[in-house]
N, C-alpha and C. Protein backbone atom coordinates (compact mmCIF):
# COMPACT_ATOMS: atom_id res chain seq x y z
N UNK A 1 -3.20 -8.16 23.56
CA UNK A 1 -1.77 -8.69 23.29
C UNK A 1 -0.97 -7.16 22.08
N UNK A 2 -0.17 -6.51 22.39
CA UNK A 2 0.32 -6.10 21.30
C UNK A 2 2.07 -6.53 20.62
N UNK A 3 1.91 -6.23 19.69
CA UNK A 3 2.94 -6.26 18.71
C UNK A 3 4.36 -5.42 18.66
N UNK A 4 5.89 -5.48 19.17
CA UNK A 4 6.46 -4.39 19.49
C UNK A 4 7.04 -4.03 18.36
N UNK A 5 6.99 -4.17 17.10
CA UNK A 5 7.35 -3.71 15.82
C UNK A 5 5.82 -3.02 15.49
N UNK A 6 4.36 -3.24 15.62
CA UNK A 6 3.77 -2.34 15.10
C UNK A 6 3.73 -0.73 16.24
N UNK A 7 4.05 -1.54 17.40
CA UNK A 7 4.41 0.06 18.61
C UNK A 7 5.55 0.52 18.04
N UNK A 8 6.50 0.64 17.73
CA UNK A 8 7.26 1.11 17.66
C UNK A 8 7.23 1.68 15.73
N UNK A 9 6.29 1.61 15.11
CA UNK A 9 5.74 1.96 13.59
C UNK A 9 5.42 2.55 13.73
N UNK A 10 4.10 2.96 15.23
CA UNK A 10 2.88 3.94 15.13
C UNK A 10 3.76 5.00 15.73
N UNK A 11 4.98 4.34 16.94
CA UNK A 11 5.56 5.61 17.86
C UNK A 11 6.78 6.54 17.25
N UNK A 12 6.38 5.88 15.93
CA UNK A 12 7.64 6.31 14.84
C UNK A 12 7.22 8.06 14.81
N UNK A 13 5.95 8.20 14.54
CA UNK A 13 5.50 9.89 13.87
C UNK A 13 4.45 10.26 15.82
N UNK A 14 3.94 9.73 16.58
CA UNK A 14 3.29 10.32 17.86
C UNK A 14 4.17 9.24 18.83
N UNK A 15 4.28 9.88 20.10
CA UNK A 15 4.89 9.26 21.80
C UNK A 15 3.86 9.00 21.66
N UNK A 16 2.89 7.93 21.51
CA UNK A 16 2.07 7.04 21.99
C UNK A 16 1.68 6.38 23.45
N UNK A 17 1.07 6.42 23.98
CA UNK A 17 0.88 5.99 25.46
C UNK A 17 0.96 4.63 25.53
N UNK A 18 0.68 3.37 26.22
CA UNK A 18 0.62 2.60 26.58
C UNK A 18 -1.22 2.59 26.09
N UNK A 19 -1.58 3.55 26.96
CA UNK A 19 -3.15 3.17 26.64
C UNK A 19 -3.76 3.14 25.64
N UNK A 20 -3.13 4.61 24.58
CA UNK A 20 -3.41 4.86 23.14
C UNK A 20 -3.45 4.11 22.32
N UNK A 21 -2.08 3.10 22.52
CA UNK A 21 -1.40 2.23 22.20
C UNK A 21 -2.70 0.72 21.58
N UNK A 22 -3.10 0.89 23.13
CA UNK A 22 -4.40 -0.22 22.80
C UNK A 22 -5.65 -0.13 21.82
N UNK A 23 -5.49 1.20 22.41
CA UNK A 23 -6.70 1.14 21.80
C UNK A 23 -7.18 0.98 20.90
N UNK A 24 -5.47 1.09 19.85
CA UNK A 24 -5.52 0.51 18.51
C UNK A 24 -5.89 -0.72 18.68
N UNK A 25 -5.47 -1.20 18.95
CA UNK A 25 -5.56 -2.66 19.13
C UNK A 25 -7.02 -3.38 19.59
N UNK A 26 -7.88 -2.41 19.94
CA UNK A 26 -9.76 -2.90 20.51
C UNK A 26 -9.91 -2.32 19.98
N UNK A 27 -9.59 -1.99 18.21
CA UNK A 27 -10.76 -1.41 17.40
C UNK A 27 -10.39 -2.27 16.09
N UNK A 28 -9.21 -2.55 15.84
CA UNK A 28 -8.46 -2.83 14.68
C UNK A 28 -8.73 -4.40 14.77
N UNK A 29 -9.11 -4.32 13.50
CA UNK A 29 -9.21 -5.72 13.18
C UNK A 29 -8.08 -7.10 12.72
N UNK A 30 -7.48 -8.32 13.35
CA UNK A 30 -6.02 -8.73 13.22
C UNK A 30 -6.56 -9.71 11.65
N UNK A 31 -5.80 -10.52 10.45
CA UNK A 31 -6.61 -11.23 9.71
C UNK A 31 -5.00 -11.75 9.35
N UNK A 32 -4.94 -12.39 7.69
CA UNK A 32 -3.64 -13.07 7.48
C UNK A 32 -4.91 -13.39 6.43
N UNK A 33 -4.07 -13.06 5.07
CA UNK A 33 -3.68 -13.19 3.52
C UNK A 33 -3.55 -14.34 2.92
N UNK A 34 -3.49 -15.28 2.30
CA UNK A 34 -2.54 -16.44 1.74
C UNK A 34 -2.12 -15.47 0.34
N UNK A 35 -1.39 -15.87 -0.32
CA UNK A 35 -0.53 -15.34 -1.59
C UNK A 35 -1.64 -15.52 -2.65
N UNK A 36 -2.43 -14.62 -3.20
CA UNK A 36 -3.35 -14.33 -4.39
C UNK A 36 -5.01 -14.47 -4.37
N UNK A 37 -4.51 -13.81 -2.64
CA UNK A 37 -6.36 -14.13 -2.28
C UNK A 37 -6.09 -12.00 -2.10
N UNK A 38 -7.50 -12.20 -2.36
CA UNK A 38 -8.11 -10.63 -2.47
C UNK A 38 -8.54 -10.05 -1.05
N UNK A 39 -8.32 -8.85 -0.86
CA UNK A 39 -8.58 -8.50 0.15
C UNK A 39 -9.53 -6.95 0.67
N UNK A 40 -9.84 -6.44 -0.94
CA UNK A 40 -10.69 -5.51 -1.55
C UNK A 40 -10.95 -6.36 -3.02
N UNK A 41 -12.16 -6.24 -2.94
CA UNK A 41 -13.00 -6.02 -4.43
C UNK A 41 -13.23 -4.71 -5.42
N UNK A 42 -13.40 -4.76 -6.47
CA UNK A 42 -13.44 -3.87 -7.44
C UNK A 42 -14.97 -3.61 -7.14
N UNK A 43 -16.34 -2.62 -6.44
CA UNK A 43 -17.43 -2.38 -6.15
C UNK A 43 -17.79 -2.87 -5.39
N UNK A 44 -16.84 -3.35 -4.24
CA UNK A 44 -16.82 -3.47 -2.73
C UNK A 44 -17.34 -2.20 -1.97
N UNK A 45 -18.00 -2.63 -1.09
CA UNK A 45 -18.41 -1.35 -0.69
C UNK A 45 -17.74 -1.52 1.29
N UNK A 46 -18.03 -0.03 1.71
CA UNK A 46 -17.10 -0.35 3.11
C UNK A 46 -15.63 -0.63 2.28
N UNK A 47 -14.59 -0.15 2.31
CA UNK A 47 -12.88 -1.29 2.36
C UNK A 47 -12.70 -0.30 3.59
N UNK A 48 -12.06 -1.09 4.00
CA UNK A 48 -11.25 -0.88 5.33
C UNK A 48 -9.80 -0.09 4.76
N UNK A 49 -9.03 0.59 5.71
CA UNK A 49 -8.32 1.46 6.33
C UNK A 49 -7.04 0.02 6.25
N UNK A 50 -6.25 -0.58 5.64
CA UNK A 50 -4.87 -1.67 6.23
C UNK A 50 -3.50 -1.07 6.00
N UNK A 51 -3.59 -1.82 7.74
CA UNK A 51 -2.03 -1.72 8.30
C UNK A 51 -1.48 -3.02 7.83
N UNK A 52 -0.29 -3.16 7.17
CA UNK A 52 0.07 -4.04 6.38
C UNK A 52 1.17 -4.62 7.99
N UNK A 53 1.35 -4.91 8.69
CA UNK A 53 2.38 -5.46 9.02
C UNK A 53 3.02 -6.99 8.86
N UNK A 54 3.00 -7.84 8.05
CA UNK A 54 3.63 -8.51 6.75
C UNK A 54 3.75 -8.50 6.44
N UNK A 55 4.82 -8.96 4.75
CA UNK A 55 3.81 -9.32 3.32
C UNK A 55 3.94 -8.38 2.96
N UNK A 56 3.14 -8.42 1.45
CA UNK A 56 3.00 -7.42 0.54
C UNK A 56 1.92 -7.54 -0.19
N UNK A 57 0.83 -6.28 -0.42
CA UNK A 57 -0.27 -5.62 -0.89
C UNK A 57 0.26 -5.19 -2.04
N UNK A 58 -0.58 -5.93 -3.14
CA UNK A 58 -1.39 -4.43 -4.41
C UNK A 58 -2.16 -4.49 -4.67
N UNK A 59 -1.98 -3.21 -4.94
CA UNK A 59 -3.57 -2.30 -5.19
C UNK A 59 -3.15 -2.24 -6.93
N UNK A 60 -4.89 -2.43 -7.41
CA UNK A 60 -4.81 -2.08 -9.00
C UNK A 60 -6.25 -1.87 -9.63
N UNK A 61 -6.54 -1.08 -10.46
CA UNK A 61 -7.31 -1.03 -11.08
C UNK A 61 -8.07 -1.73 -12.05
N UNK A 62 -9.10 -1.88 -13.21
CA UNK A 62 -9.08 -2.77 -13.86
C UNK A 62 -9.56 -1.66 -15.04
N UNK A 63 -8.91 -1.21 -16.18
CA UNK A 63 -9.95 -0.48 -16.89
C UNK A 63 -11.17 -1.06 -17.81
N UNK A 64 -11.54 -0.08 -18.34
CA UNK A 64 -12.91 -1.60 -19.27
C UNK A 64 -12.59 -1.89 -20.21
N UNK A 65 -11.19 -2.31 -20.63
CA UNK A 65 -10.44 -3.42 -21.80
C UNK A 65 -9.97 -4.69 -20.95
N UNK A 66 -10.17 -5.04 -19.45
CA UNK A 66 -10.45 -5.34 -18.81
C UNK A 66 -8.40 -5.83 -18.19
N UNK A 67 -7.51 -4.45 -18.49
CA UNK A 67 -6.27 -4.98 -17.63
C UNK A 67 -5.88 -3.48 -16.46
N UNK A 68 -5.63 -4.69 -16.06
CA UNK A 68 -4.96 -4.15 -14.77
C UNK A 68 -3.93 -3.32 -14.91
N UNK A 69 -3.91 -2.39 -14.06
CA UNK A 69 -3.28 -0.89 -14.20
C UNK A 69 -2.60 -0.97 -12.46
N UNK A 70 -1.20 -1.53 -12.21
CA UNK A 70 -1.31 -1.14 -10.52
C UNK A 70 -1.18 0.02 -10.57
N UNK A 71 -1.74 1.04 -9.34
CA UNK A 71 -1.25 1.48 -8.49
C UNK A 71 -0.33 1.80 -7.45
N UNK A 72 -0.23 0.33 -6.68
CA UNK A 72 0.58 1.08 -5.50
C UNK A 72 1.24 -0.82 -5.14
N UNK A 73 1.94 -0.60 -4.19
CA UNK A 73 2.75 -1.87 -3.34
C UNK A 73 2.43 -1.75 -2.03
N UNK A 74 1.97 -2.36 -1.47
CA UNK A 74 2.37 -1.71 -0.11
C UNK A 74 2.82 -2.63 0.98
N UNK A 75 4.02 -2.64 1.09
CA UNK A 75 4.85 -3.54 2.20
C UNK A 75 4.99 -3.35 3.35
N UNK A 76 5.43 -4.28 3.97
CA UNK A 76 5.90 -4.72 5.97
C UNK A 76 5.80 -3.01 5.99
N UNK A 77 4.58 -2.72 7.23
CA UNK A 77 4.62 -1.52 7.50
C UNK A 77 4.17 0.14 7.74
N UNK A 78 3.36 -0.46 6.78
CA UNK A 78 2.61 0.17 5.45
C UNK A 78 0.79 0.75 5.87
N UNK A 79 0.60 1.31 5.67
CA UNK A 79 -0.94 1.79 5.37
C UNK A 79 -1.12 2.20 3.91
N UNK A 80 -2.35 1.22 3.50
CA UNK A 80 -2.53 0.99 2.27
C UNK A 80 -4.67 1.11 2.59
N UNK A 81 -4.91 1.03 1.16
CA UNK A 81 -6.31 0.55 0.84
C UNK A 81 -7.35 1.95 -0.08
N UNK A 82 -8.41 1.94 -0.60
CA UNK A 82 -9.00 2.56 -1.32
C UNK A 82 -9.08 3.32 -0.34
N UNK A 83 -8.94 4.71 -0.26
CA UNK A 83 -9.18 5.55 0.29
C UNK A 83 -10.28 6.93 0.26
N UNK A 84 -10.70 6.41 -1.28
CA UNK A 84 -11.79 7.48 -1.29
C UNK A 84 -13.06 6.68 -0.91
N UNK A 85 -13.24 5.49 -1.59
CA UNK A 85 -13.94 4.53 -0.63
C UNK A 85 -14.08 4.38 0.19
N UNK A 86 -13.14 4.45 1.18
CA UNK A 86 -12.67 4.73 2.88
C UNK A 86 -13.84 5.44 3.06
N UNK A 87 -12.80 6.62 2.85
CA UNK A 87 -13.70 8.58 3.39
C UNK A 87 -14.82 8.19 3.04
N UNK A 88 -15.81 8.10 1.92
CA UNK A 88 -16.26 8.85 1.63
C UNK A 88 -17.67 7.80 1.40
N UNK A 89 -17.13 6.53 2.28
CA UNK A 89 -18.28 4.82 1.27
C UNK A 89 -18.99 5.23 0.09
N UNK A 90 -17.39 5.28 -0.72
CA UNK A 90 -17.91 4.80 -2.20
C UNK A 90 -17.50 3.21 -2.50
N UNK A 91 -17.90 2.52 -3.74
CA UNK A 91 -17.78 1.52 -3.73
C UNK A 91 -16.39 1.49 -4.26
N UNK A 92 -15.11 0.21 -3.59
CA UNK A 92 -14.00 0.39 -4.37
C UNK A 92 -13.67 0.43 -6.15
N UNK A 93 -13.37 1.16 -6.46
CA UNK A 93 -13.15 1.24 -7.80
C UNK A 93 -11.05 0.16 -7.83
N UNK A 94 -11.43 -0.04 -6.81
CA UNK A 94 -9.66 -0.96 -7.11
C UNK A 94 -10.15 -2.62 -6.20
N UNK A 95 -8.65 -3.23 -6.25
CA UNK A 95 -8.84 -4.79 -6.29
C UNK A 95 -7.55 -4.52 -5.46
N UNK A 96 -7.66 -5.23 -4.19
CA UNK A 96 -5.88 -4.86 -3.61
C UNK A 96 -5.95 -6.99 -3.31
N UNK A 97 -4.77 -7.04 -3.66
CA UNK A 97 -4.30 -8.26 -3.20
C UNK A 97 -3.00 -8.55 -3.32
N UNK A 98 -3.02 -9.84 -2.25
CA UNK A 98 -1.98 -10.43 -1.11
C UNK A 98 -1.16 -11.03 -2.22
N UNK A 99 0.38 -10.55 -2.12
CA UNK A 99 1.46 -10.55 -3.35
C UNK A 99 2.04 -11.61 -2.39
N UNK A 100 2.01 -12.04 -1.30
CA UNK A 100 2.57 -12.55 -0.90
C UNK A 100 1.56 -13.30 0.77
N UNK A 101 1.57 -14.47 1.02
CA UNK A 101 0.69 -14.35 2.61
C UNK A 101 1.13 -12.75 3.25
N UNK A 102 0.18 -12.52 3.64
CA UNK A 102 0.10 -11.43 4.46
C UNK A 102 -0.27 -11.18 5.41
N UNK A 103 -0.27 -10.62 6.30
CA UNK A 103 -0.86 -9.88 8.01
C UNK A 103 -1.19 -8.50 7.69
N UNK A 104 -2.37 -8.06 8.51
CA UNK A 104 -2.73 -7.09 8.54
C UNK A 104 -3.64 -6.92 9.46
N UNK A 105 -3.63 -5.70 9.64
CA UNK A 105 -4.54 -5.15 11.23
C UNK A 105 -5.08 -4.15 10.32
N UNK A 106 -6.68 -4.11 10.44
CA UNK A 106 -7.93 -3.42 9.81
C UNK A 106 -8.66 -2.25 10.36
N UNK A 107 -8.75 -1.04 10.19
CA UNK A 107 -9.98 -0.22 10.47
C UNK A 107 -11.27 0.03 9.77
N UNK A 108 -11.87 0.14 9.87
CA UNK A 108 -13.14 0.37 9.15
C UNK A 108 -13.38 1.83 9.38
N UNK A 109 -14.31 2.77 9.14
CA UNK A 109 -14.02 3.74 8.87
C UNK A 109 -14.87 4.21 9.95
N UNK A 110 -15.85 3.85 10.82
CA UNK A 110 -16.30 3.59 11.85
C UNK A 110 -15.16 3.20 13.14
N UNK A 111 -14.30 3.02 13.01
CA UNK A 111 -13.28 2.59 13.92
C UNK A 111 -12.60 3.85 14.25
N UNK A 112 -12.17 3.83 12.52
CA UNK A 112 -11.14 5.16 12.53
C UNK A 112 -11.82 6.38 13.14
N UNK A 113 -13.00 7.29 12.60
CA UNK A 113 -13.29 7.72 13.28
C UNK A 113 -13.20 8.34 14.93
N UNK A 114 -13.98 6.96 15.80
CA UNK A 114 -13.39 6.79 17.07
C UNK A 114 -12.75 7.23 17.45
N UNK A 115 -11.63 6.64 16.43
CA UNK A 115 -10.00 5.58 17.70
C UNK A 115 -9.54 7.32 17.25
N UNK A 116 -9.19 8.30 16.31
CA UNK A 116 -9.41 9.48 15.65
C UNK A 116 -9.98 10.48 17.21
N UNK A 117 -11.17 10.43 17.22
CA UNK A 117 -11.94 11.31 17.84
C UNK A 117 -11.87 10.69 20.11
N UNK A 118 -11.51 9.50 20.09
CA UNK A 118 -11.19 9.23 21.33
C UNK A 118 -9.72 9.62 22.00
N UNK A 119 -9.10 9.17 20.66
CA UNK A 119 -7.86 9.53 21.12
C UNK A 119 -6.79 10.59 20.16
N UNK A 120 -6.76 11.77 20.59
CA UNK A 120 -6.39 12.72 19.36
C UNK A 120 -5.24 12.72 19.35
N UNK A 121 -3.97 11.18 19.46
CA UNK A 121 -3.41 11.45 19.42
C UNK A 121 -2.83 11.07 17.55
N UNK A 122 -3.76 9.86 17.62
CA UNK A 122 -4.17 9.15 16.37
C UNK A 122 -5.08 10.38 15.00
N UNK A 123 -5.14 11.26 15.60
CA UNK A 123 -5.68 12.27 14.67
C UNK A 123 -3.94 12.64 14.06
N UNK A 124 -3.23 12.59 15.19
CA UNK A 124 -1.87 13.68 14.27
C UNK A 124 -1.49 13.09 13.43
N UNK A 125 -1.36 11.09 14.55
CA UNK A 125 -1.06 10.11 13.31
C UNK A 125 -0.82 9.67 12.33
N UNK A 126 -2.46 10.36 12.19
CA UNK A 126 -2.73 9.92 10.33
C UNK A 126 -3.17 11.03 9.63
N UNK A 127 -2.75 12.56 9.92
CA UNK A 127 -2.32 13.90 9.48
C UNK A 127 -1.06 13.01 9.11
N UNK A 128 0.52 12.49 9.72
CA UNK A 128 0.97 12.52 8.93
C UNK A 128 1.17 11.59 8.38
N UNK A 129 0.64 10.53 8.43
CA UNK A 129 0.08 9.35 7.45
C UNK A 129 0.10 9.98 6.23
N UNK A 130 -0.82 10.50 6.39
CA UNK A 130 -1.30 11.00 5.18
C UNK A 130 -1.13 12.29 4.10
N UNK A 131 0.02 12.54 4.84
CA UNK A 131 0.94 13.57 4.19
C UNK A 131 1.91 13.57 2.96
N UNK A 132 2.24 11.60 4.13
CA UNK A 132 3.33 11.45 4.09
C UNK A 132 3.24 10.58 2.72
N UNK A 133 2.42 10.32 2.41
CA UNK A 133 1.60 9.21 1.69
C UNK A 133 1.15 10.36 0.32
N UNK A 134 0.59 11.49 0.85
CA UNK A 134 0.35 12.59 -0.42
C UNK A 134 1.71 12.76 -1.61
N UNK A 135 2.73 13.66 -0.13
CA UNK A 135 4.36 13.58 -1.00
C UNK A 135 5.28 12.74 -1.58
N UNK A 136 4.44 11.00 -1.15
CA UNK A 136 4.59 10.37 -2.06
C UNK A 136 4.55 10.15 -3.81
N UNK A 137 3.05 10.37 -3.35
CA UNK A 137 1.77 10.26 -4.78
C UNK A 137 2.63 11.38 -5.56
N UNK A 138 3.13 12.48 -5.16
CA UNK A 138 2.84 13.48 -5.94
C UNK A 138 4.69 12.92 -6.67
N UNK A 139 5.51 12.69 -5.64
CA UNK A 139 6.47 12.21 -6.62
C UNK A 139 7.02 10.95 -7.56
N UNK A 140 5.86 10.49 -7.18
CA UNK A 140 5.34 9.41 -7.98
C UNK A 140 4.97 10.15 -9.70
N UNK A 141 4.25 10.89 -9.52
CA UNK A 141 3.72 11.79 -10.49
C UNK A 141 4.81 12.47 -11.32
N UNK A 142 5.28 13.03 -10.59
CA UNK A 142 6.33 13.43 -11.49
C UNK A 142 7.38 12.61 -11.94
N UNK A 143 7.88 11.27 -11.49
CA UNK A 143 8.55 10.37 -11.80
C UNK A 143 7.69 10.02 -13.56
N UNK A 144 6.91 9.51 -13.15
CA UNK A 144 5.71 9.01 -14.49
C UNK A 144 6.03 10.33 -16.00
N UNK A 145 5.98 11.43 -15.82
CA UNK A 145 5.77 12.79 -16.63
C UNK A 145 7.09 12.72 -17.27
N UNK A 146 8.43 12.54 -16.42
CA UNK A 146 9.41 13.33 -17.03
C UNK A 146 10.67 12.25 -17.04
N UNK A 147 9.94 10.96 -15.71
CA UNK A 147 11.49 9.75 -16.32
C UNK A 147 11.80 9.44 -17.33
N UNK A 148 12.80 8.66 -17.94
CA UNK A 148 12.58 7.49 -19.47
C UNK A 148 12.04 6.12 -18.36
N UNK A 149 12.14 5.69 -19.11
CA UNK A 149 11.52 4.15 -18.40
C UNK A 149 12.98 3.30 -17.58
N UNK A 150 13.41 3.87 -18.78
CA UNK A 150 14.91 2.84 -17.34
C UNK A 150 15.01 4.38 -16.21
N UNK A 151 15.27 5.19 -16.06
CA UNK A 151 15.62 6.17 -15.17
C UNK A 151 14.40 5.93 -13.66
N UNK A 152 12.97 5.18 -14.56
CA UNK A 152 11.27 5.01 -13.43
C UNK A 152 11.87 3.54 -13.02
N UNK A 153 12.89 2.79 -13.99
CA UNK A 153 12.88 1.19 -13.40
C UNK A 153 13.97 1.49 -12.04
N UNK A 154 14.85 2.09 -12.24
CA UNK A 154 16.08 2.57 -12.00
C UNK A 154 15.46 2.67 -9.90
N UNK A 155 14.71 3.89 -10.17
CA UNK A 155 14.21 4.12 -9.24
C UNK A 155 13.75 3.31 -7.90
N UNK A 156 12.58 2.55 -9.32
CA UNK A 156 11.73 1.82 -8.50
C UNK A 156 12.97 0.58 -7.80
N UNK A 157 14.09 0.40 -8.33
CA UNK A 157 14.73 -0.98 -7.62
C UNK A 157 14.83 -0.53 -6.28
N UNK A 158 15.89 0.78 -6.43
CA UNK A 158 16.35 2.06 -5.34
C UNK A 158 15.15 2.00 -4.19
N UNK A 159 13.85 2.43 -4.16
CA UNK A 159 12.96 1.95 -3.42
C UNK A 159 12.02 1.35 -2.94
N UNK A 160 12.28 -0.04 -3.83
CA UNK A 160 11.74 -1.07 -3.61
C UNK A 160 12.82 -2.88 -3.78
N UNK A 161 14.25 -2.24 -3.05
CA UNK A 161 15.42 -2.85 -3.33
C UNK A 161 14.93 -5.12 -3.61
N UNK A 162 14.04 -5.61 -2.83
CA UNK A 162 13.37 -6.70 -2.47
C UNK A 162 12.15 -6.90 -3.26
N UNK A 163 11.72 -5.38 -3.62
CA UNK A 163 10.21 -6.47 -4.47
C UNK A 163 10.18 -7.77 -5.30
N UNK A 164 11.36 -6.85 -6.34
CA UNK A 164 12.10 -7.79 -7.88
C UNK A 164 11.88 -9.37 -7.26
N UNK A 165 12.35 -9.24 -6.40
CA UNK A 165 11.84 -11.05 -6.09
C UNK A 165 10.81 -11.93 -5.33
N UNK A 166 9.53 -11.28 -5.44
CA UNK A 166 8.24 -11.29 -5.35
C UNK A 166 7.60 -10.98 -5.70
N UNK A 167 7.68 -10.08 -7.28
CA UNK A 167 6.59 -9.14 -7.76
C UNK A 167 6.85 -10.22 -9.32
N UNK A 168 5.66 -10.95 -10.26
CA UNK A 168 5.84 -11.23 -11.09
C UNK A 168 6.25 -9.28 -12.29
N UNK A 169 6.99 -9.66 -12.92
CA UNK A 169 7.25 -9.05 -13.58
C UNK A 169 5.97 -7.49 -14.24
N UNK A 170 5.40 -8.64 -14.98
CA UNK A 170 4.19 -7.77 -15.62
C UNK A 170 3.80 -7.17 -14.36
N UNK A 171 3.41 -6.91 -13.45
CA UNK A 171 3.12 -5.96 -11.89
C UNK A 171 4.10 -5.30 -12.26
N UNK A 172 5.42 -5.41 -12.34
CA UNK A 172 6.34 -4.36 -11.89
C UNK A 172 5.90 -3.43 -13.28
N UNK A 173 6.14 -3.72 -14.65
CA UNK A 173 6.26 -2.85 -15.82
C UNK A 173 4.12 -2.31 -15.44
N UNK A 174 3.63 -3.18 -15.67
CA UNK A 174 2.69 -2.31 -15.62
C UNK A 174 2.62 -1.19 -14.23
N UNK A 175 3.16 -1.20 -13.42
CA UNK A 175 3.65 -0.13 -11.97
C UNK A 175 4.14 0.83 -12.83
N UNK A 176 5.15 1.35 -13.67
CA UNK A 176 6.10 1.47 -14.34
C UNK A 176 5.84 1.92 -15.52
N UNK A 177 4.19 1.31 -15.79
CA UNK A 177 3.34 2.12 -17.50
C UNK A 177 4.46 2.24 -18.38
N UNK A 178 5.06 0.44 -18.33
CA UNK A 178 5.78 -0.08 -19.84
C UNK A 178 5.14 -1.23 -19.62
N UNK A 179 5.42 -1.87 -20.65
CA UNK A 179 5.27 -3.01 -21.10
C UNK A 179 5.97 -4.70 -20.62
N UNK A 180 5.34 -5.25 -20.07
CA UNK A 180 6.50 -5.94 -19.91
C UNK A 180 8.03 -7.00 -20.40
N UNK A 181 7.90 -6.29 -22.05
CA UNK A 181 8.43 -6.80 -23.00
C UNK A 181 9.38 -5.81 -22.88
N UNK A 182 9.32 -4.40 -22.90
CA UNK A 182 9.98 -3.25 -22.65
C UNK A 182 11.31 -3.48 -21.15
N UNK A 183 10.35 -3.60 -20.50
CA UNK A 183 10.56 -3.65 -19.17
C UNK A 183 11.89 -4.60 -19.23
N UNK A 184 11.51 -5.87 -19.85
CA UNK A 184 12.86 -7.46 -19.86
C UNK A 184 13.69 -6.34 -20.93
N UNK A 185 13.81 -5.50 -21.87
CA UNK A 185 15.31 -5.34 -22.32
C UNK A 185 15.60 -4.45 -21.71
N UNK A 186 15.36 -3.24 -20.35
CA UNK A 186 15.70 -2.30 -19.74
C UNK A 186 16.56 -3.60 -19.04
N UNK A 187 15.66 -4.26 -18.48
CA UNK A 187 16.81 -5.08 -17.60
C UNK A 187 17.97 -5.81 -18.02
N UNK A 188 18.07 -6.27 -19.11
CA UNK A 188 18.75 -6.79 -20.32
C UNK A 188 20.02 -6.01 -20.33
N UNK A 189 19.22 -4.93 -21.22
CA UNK A 189 20.33 -3.24 -21.01
C UNK A 189 20.99 -3.20 -19.77
N UNK A 190 20.96 -3.22 -18.69
CA UNK A 190 21.19 -2.73 -17.54
C UNK A 190 22.39 -3.81 -16.94
N UNK A 191 21.98 -5.60 -17.28
CA UNK A 191 22.84 -5.85 -16.74
C UNK A 191 24.35 -6.65 -18.12
N UNK A 192 23.98 -5.84 -19.06
CA UNK A 192 25.14 -5.74 -20.10
C UNK A 192 25.17 -6.91 -21.05
N UNK A 193 23.51 -7.33 -21.68
CA UNK A 193 23.34 -8.99 -21.88
C UNK A 193 22.47 -8.39 -23.75
N UNK A 194 22.63 -8.95 -24.67
CA UNK A 194 22.53 -8.40 -25.86
C UNK A 194 21.11 -8.38 -25.95
């Protein structure tokens, strides 16, 4: 059984045939996760590559002081995962957690490689996905090193207009690289409150 929204998303970059789409469903594993359920734990081997059909996932790194640094939020129709762990078979350095009830389709490394080998259209599709991801991460690096905290927050709200309603402020602050208190101050200032 295929899902029209997933098919539409896959065909956004490549004109897949029905057979090629079916090849994805033949190997991808479907799963649902409850809010706050962990999909990938730090140190886990064999991290999957995850397509989010519905919901929100948060990827974070925990430092030696046990502080969580939010790396990414993944939303509907996004791919996410610990790409280093996935591609190189190394233990994950991230934790990936469901911030809402989340429905996903996951590929393990072997199925990913076979899908790309046996269905060359997926090789092109994932190349486009990885290119777009690299561009997005480069833009985020520029924002992190050159934008003011207020400009980072305004860009976040513009790029993720509904996310603020789903995610606790402390995680948004971590993503922006500021404290929750400073984020509160920015929000009050923008709202015109003292």
